[in-house]
Each structure stands twice: as C-alpha cells, then as structure tokens.
Amino acid sequence: MTSIGKLSQALENRHAVVLPTETVYGLFAKALNESSVDLVYNLKERPRDKAMNLNVSSYDDILNFSKNQPDYLKKLYKAFLPGPLTIILQANEKVPVWINSGLDSVGFRLPNHPITQELIAKHGPLIGPSANKSGQESGKYFNTIMQSFDHEVLGYEDDDFLTGVDSTILDLSKEKAVILRQGAISKEDLLSVVPELNF
C-alpha cells in the first residue's frame, strides 16, 4: 500500500491518486490546477461537459467557493457532513471554469475517510470523481481500479471501509431543492433534520 507521504507528493506534483471515501473510491487531484484536472478527465475518458465537484475539508471552504447559500446550510452541514452527501450551490467567481464546465453552480463533497480527509485538508480543494472509466460502474475494488488505469496512478487500498452506495446529490442552487441522485441519504433523512428544505 502506498504511504500517505507518497500520495501527498503525487498530489503536489499534479498527479491523480485513487483514494477511498465512505461510499466508493474516487480519483483525486488538485482542483485549482488545470493540468491536474485535465489528467483526471483524460484518465476517466470523461466528457468535458460533465462538471467536477470540489472535495473540501470545512464549512468555511464551502462558503469560500459558493454564494447565495440557503439559511439552513449550516444545519445540513452539521447533520450530514462529512458523509455521503454532495451539495450543489451557486458557484462564485473563485470556481475555475475547468471545474464546473461553465455552469453557474458547483458541487461540494466532504468524504468521511481519515486518510482522504487528511489529504484534502493539506492539498484541497480536490476533485474526486468516482475512480472508473466514464460510464462504467463506480469503483469499489482497489485492484480492479488500478488495473483499469493500467497502474498509472498511486492509491490507498481500503475496500472494507466502503459501503458501495453512492452519495446522494442534493441541488440547492435554485429556489427549490432537487435530489439529482438518490444515494445513501434519503429525502426523508434530509427533511427530518432540515424541515425547511423546499422540494
């Protein structure tokens, strides 16, 4: 298994690394470096019109890259993050066009794995789409993932930590909240904590 020091160095050198979240493996790289993001798009063979999320390490990070946040955002954050929830908000001018494909919104993710959290805190924000070729099943098995990328990237193996269930994607960028992907957290889970969510 690759040490956290080597993974940290790889990120610093604009490479991509495979890291576990609480759901599936992600392919992580420095979000504010265009060449790092290009590498991930190329490795995944991902269409350029599919935007990336920002993996961050704090509530302040979310505020730093978004605007017009709903009043209940802090309550949502405290209840579900870090965890299997991606929150989409209106992007501010700090979000590079190579992240959100020119959209006016951007997604935020705080994965709940200690190694991944440590690397995001040090090098973030990071992009971290699922570690697979675009259109294929999300990456749940480390060795299979490394083979699919021809061992071109370093990674951290922790298959047993993963649930294999994707994160729920909650879009809060418009007047009404929309669940774009139903994952580990249900609409009922969200409303039980934040009844002011307007679906």
Protein backbone atom coordinates (compact mmCIF):
# COMPACT_ATOMS: atom_id res chain seq x y z
CA MET A 1 0.00 0.00 0.00
CA THR A 2 1.25 3.47 -0.85
CA SER A 3 2.17 5.68 2.12
CA ILE A 4 0.33 8.92 2.78
CA GLY A 5 3.62 10.74 2.18
CA LYS A 6 3.89 9.38 -1.36
CA LEU A 7 0.24 10.16 -2.05
CA SER A 8 0.77 13.69 -0.78
CA GLN A 9 3.82 14.10 -3.00
CA ALA A 10 1.90 12.80 -6.02
CA LEU A 11 -0.86 15.37 -5.48
CA GLU A 12 1.75 18.11 -5.08
CA ASN A 13 3.31 17.01 -8.38
CA ARG A 14 -0.06 17.40 -10.16
CA HIS A 15 -0.74 13.69 -10.41
CA ALA A 16 -4.02 11.92 -9.68
CA VAL A 17 -4.41 9.40 -6.83
CA VAL A 18 -7.07 6.80 -6.03
CA LEU A 19 -8.49 7.31 -2.53
CA PRO A 20 -11.36 5.73 -0.57
CA THR A 21 -14.41 7.66 0.56
CA GLU A 22 -17.21 6.20 2.68
CA THR A 23 -19.05 5.18 -0.50
CA VAL A 24 -16.75 4.22 -3.41
CA TYR A 25 -13.19 5.04 -4.48
CA GLY A 26 -12.51 8.44 -6.04
CA LEU A 27 -9.83 9.67 -8.44
CA PHE A 28 -8.47 12.73 -6.68
CA ALA A 29 -6.36 15.65 -7.92
CA LYS A 30 -5.82 19.33 -7.14
CA ALA A 31 -8.92 21.23 -8.27
CA LEU A 32 -7.31 24.63 -8.77
CA ASN A 33 -4.63 23.25 -11.08
CA GLU A 34 -5.92 22.92 -14.63
CA SER A 35 -3.38 20.31 -15.74
CA SER A 36 -4.29 18.08 -12.76
CA VAL A 37 -7.97 18.29 -13.66
CA ASP A 38 -7.17 17.61 -17.34
CA LEU A 39 -5.35 14.45 -16.28
CA VAL A 40 -8.41 13.14 -14.42
CA TYR A 41 -10.72 13.88 -17.37
CA ASN A 42 -8.30 12.01 -19.64
CA LEU A 43 -7.81 9.04 -17.30
CA LYS A 44 -11.56 8.63 -16.87
CA GLU A 45 -12.30 9.39 -20.54
CA ARG A 46 -14.93 11.72 -19.10
CA PRO A 47 -16.89 14.15 -21.33
CA ARG A 48 -15.88 17.76 -20.69
CA ASP A 49 -19.48 18.87 -20.18
CA LYS A 50 -19.69 16.70 -17.04
CA ALA A 51 -18.67 19.08 -14.27
CA MET A 52 -16.49 18.13 -11.28
CA ASN A 53 -17.26 18.55 -7.59
CA LEU A 54 -14.99 20.22 -5.05
CA ASN A 55 -13.87 17.98 -2.21
CA VAL A 56 -13.27 20.26 0.77
CA SER A 57 -12.47 19.91 4.45
CA SER A 58 -14.65 22.51 6.21
CA TYR A 59 -17.81 24.58 6.19
CA ASP A 60 -15.72 27.68 5.52
CA ASP A 61 -14.35 26.02 2.36
CA ILE A 62 -17.91 25.65 1.08
CA LEU A 63 -18.63 29.32 1.77
CA ASN A 64 -15.35 30.28 0.09
CA PHE A 65 -16.39 28.84 -3.28
CA SER A 66 -20.16 29.50 -3.29
CA LYS A 67 -22.71 32.30 -3.00
CA ASN A 68 -26.37 32.83 -2.08
CA GLN A 69 -26.29 29.89 0.32
CA PRO A 70 -29.60 28.91 1.97
CA ASP A 71 -30.06 29.84 5.63
CA TYR A 72 -30.23 26.19 6.69
CA LEU A 73 -26.90 25.20 5.10
CA LYS A 74 -25.01 25.10 8.43
CA LYS A 75 -27.67 22.83 9.93
CA LEU A 76 -27.42 20.49 6.92
CA TYR A 77 -23.63 20.51 7.16
CA LYS A 78 -23.58 19.66 10.86
CA ALA A 79 -26.04 16.79 10.44
CA PHE A 80 -24.64 15.03 7.38
CA LEU A 81 -21.05 16.08 6.67
CA PRO A 82 -18.52 14.60 6.43
CA GLY A 83 -20.59 11.87 4.83
CA PRO A 84 -22.31 10.56 1.70
CA LEU A 85 -23.94 13.81 0.61
CA THR A 86 -22.96 16.07 -2.29
CA ILE A 87 -24.42 19.58 -2.03
CA ILE A 88 -24.73 21.73 -5.14
CA LEU A 89 -24.72 25.50 -4.60
CA GLN A 90 -24.36 28.59 -6.76
CA ALA A 91 -20.68 28.99 -7.68
CA ASN A 92 -18.80 32.20 -7.06
CA GLU A 93 -16.01 33.71 -9.13
CA LYS A 94 -13.33 31.61 -7.36
CA VAL A 95 -14.52 28.39 -9.05
CA PRO A 96 -12.44 27.82 -12.22
CA VAL A 97 -14.28 27.14 -15.46
CA TRP A 98 -12.44 23.82 -15.81
CA ILE A 99 -14.22 22.59 -12.66
CA ASN A 100 -17.85 23.39 -13.35
CA SER A 101 -17.77 23.41 -17.18
CA GLY A 102 -19.01 27.00 -17.26
CA LEU A 103 -22.13 26.25 -15.19
CA ASP A 104 -23.31 28.71 -12.55
CA SER A 105 -23.26 26.03 -9.85
CA VAL A 106 -20.74 23.69 -8.22
CA GLY A 107 -20.98 20.58 -6.05
CA PHE A 108 -19.31 20.11 -2.66
CA ARG A 109 -18.27 16.85 -1.04
CA LEU A 110 -16.64 16.03 2.31
CA PRO A 111 -15.70 12.34 2.20
CA ASN A 112 -15.68 10.53 5.52
CA HIS A 113 -12.38 8.62 5.38
CA PRO A 114 -9.47 9.71 7.63
CA ILE A 115 -6.67 9.38 5.04
CA THR A 116 -8.67 11.13 2.34
CA GLN A 117 -9.71 13.87 4.77
CA GLU A 118 -6.08 14.45 5.73
CA LEU A 119 -5.03 14.82 2.09
CA ILE A 120 -7.95 17.16 1.29
CA ALA A 121 -7.08 19.33 4.30
CA LYS A 122 -3.48 19.58 3.11
CA HIS A 123 -3.97 19.92 -0.67
CA GLY A 124 -7.63 20.82 -1.17
CA PRO A 125 -9.87 21.62 -2.69
CA LEU A 126 -9.54 18.40 -4.66
CA ILE A 127 -11.66 16.92 -7.39
CA GLY A 128 -12.58 13.29 -6.71
CA PRO A 129 -14.99 11.74 -9.22
CA SER A 130 -15.54 8.00 -8.91
CA ALA A 131 -12.44 6.01 -9.82
CA ASN A 132 -13.65 4.34 -13.00
CA LYS A 133 -13.78 4.87 -16.72
CA SER A 134 -16.70 7.16 -17.56
CA GLY A 135 -19.95 5.21 -17.96
CA GLN A 136 -18.74 2.16 -16.05
CA GLU A 137 -19.78 1.09 -12.56
CA SER A 138 -18.37 3.15 -9.67
CA GLY A 139 -15.09 1.78 -8.34
CA LYS A 140 -15.46 -0.45 -5.28
CA TYR A 141 -12.43 -2.77 -5.57
CA PHE A 142 -8.96 -1.29 -5.41
CA ASN A 143 -7.12 -3.89 -7.51
CA THR A 144 -9.74 -3.73 -10.27
CA ILE A 145 -9.46 0.06 -10.35
CA MET A 146 -5.67 0.02 -10.56
CA GLN A 147 -5.86 -2.45 -13.45
CA SER A 148 -8.40 -0.28 -15.30
CA PHE A 149 -5.97 2.65 -15.10
CA ASP A 150 -3.01 0.42 -16.11
CA HIS A 151 -1.37 1.18 -12.74
CA GLU A 152 -0.64 4.74 -13.96
CA VAL A 153 -1.75 6.23 -10.63
CA LEU A 154 -0.93 5.67 -6.97
CA GLY A 155 -3.64 4.82 -4.48
CA TYR A 156 -4.66 3.83 -0.97
CA GLU A 157 -6.44 0.50 -0.55
CA ASP A 158 -9.30 0.16 1.95
CA ASP A 159 -12.04 -1.94 0.32
CA ASP A 160 -13.58 -2.92 3.66
CA PHE A 161 -14.31 0.71 4.57
CA LEU A 162 -16.59 1.29 1.58
CA THR A 163 -20.35 0.86 1.59
CA GLY A 164 -20.53 0.73 -2.22
CA VAL A 165 -23.58 3.04 -2.17
CA ASP A 166 -23.09 6.36 -4.00
CA SER A 167 -23.57 9.70 -2.25
CA THR A 168 -26.91 11.49 -2.50
CA ILE A 169 -26.67 14.60 -4.69
CA LEU A 170 -28.75 17.50 -3.39
CA ASP A 171 -29.08 20.56 -5.63
CA LEU A 172 -29.66 23.76 -3.62
CA SER A 173 -28.61 26.16 -6.39
CA LYS A 174 -32.17 27.16 -7.29
CA GLU A 175 -35.33 28.14 -5.44
CA LYS A 176 -36.47 24.54 -4.95
CA ALA A 177 -34.27 21.76 -3.66
CA VAL A 178 -33.84 18.80 -6.01
CA ILE A 179 -32.33 15.37 -5.38
CA LEU A 180 -30.37 14.67 -8.56
CA ARG A 181 -29.22 11.23 -7.40
CA GLN A 182 -30.73 9.17 -4.62
CA GLY A 183 -27.89 7.60 -2.67
CA ALA A 184 -27.15 6.71 0.92
CA ILE A 185 -29.16 9.63 2.40
CA SER A 186 -32.90 9.76 1.65
CA LYS A 187 -35.24 12.72 1.21
CA GLU A 188 -36.87 11.70 4.49
CA ASP A 189 -33.47 11.73 6.25
CA LEU A 190 -32.88 15.27 4.99
CA LEU A 191 -36.31 16.58 5.93
CA SER A 192 -36.17 15.04 9.40
CA VAL A 193 -33.20 17.29 10.19
CA VAL A 194 -33.94 20.27 7.93
CA PRO A 195 -37.73 20.55 7.59
CA GLU A 196 -37.32 23.93 5.87
CA LEU A 197 -35.94 22.19 2.77
CA ASN A 198 -38.31 23.16 -0.04
CA PHE A 199 -38.65 20.29 -2.53
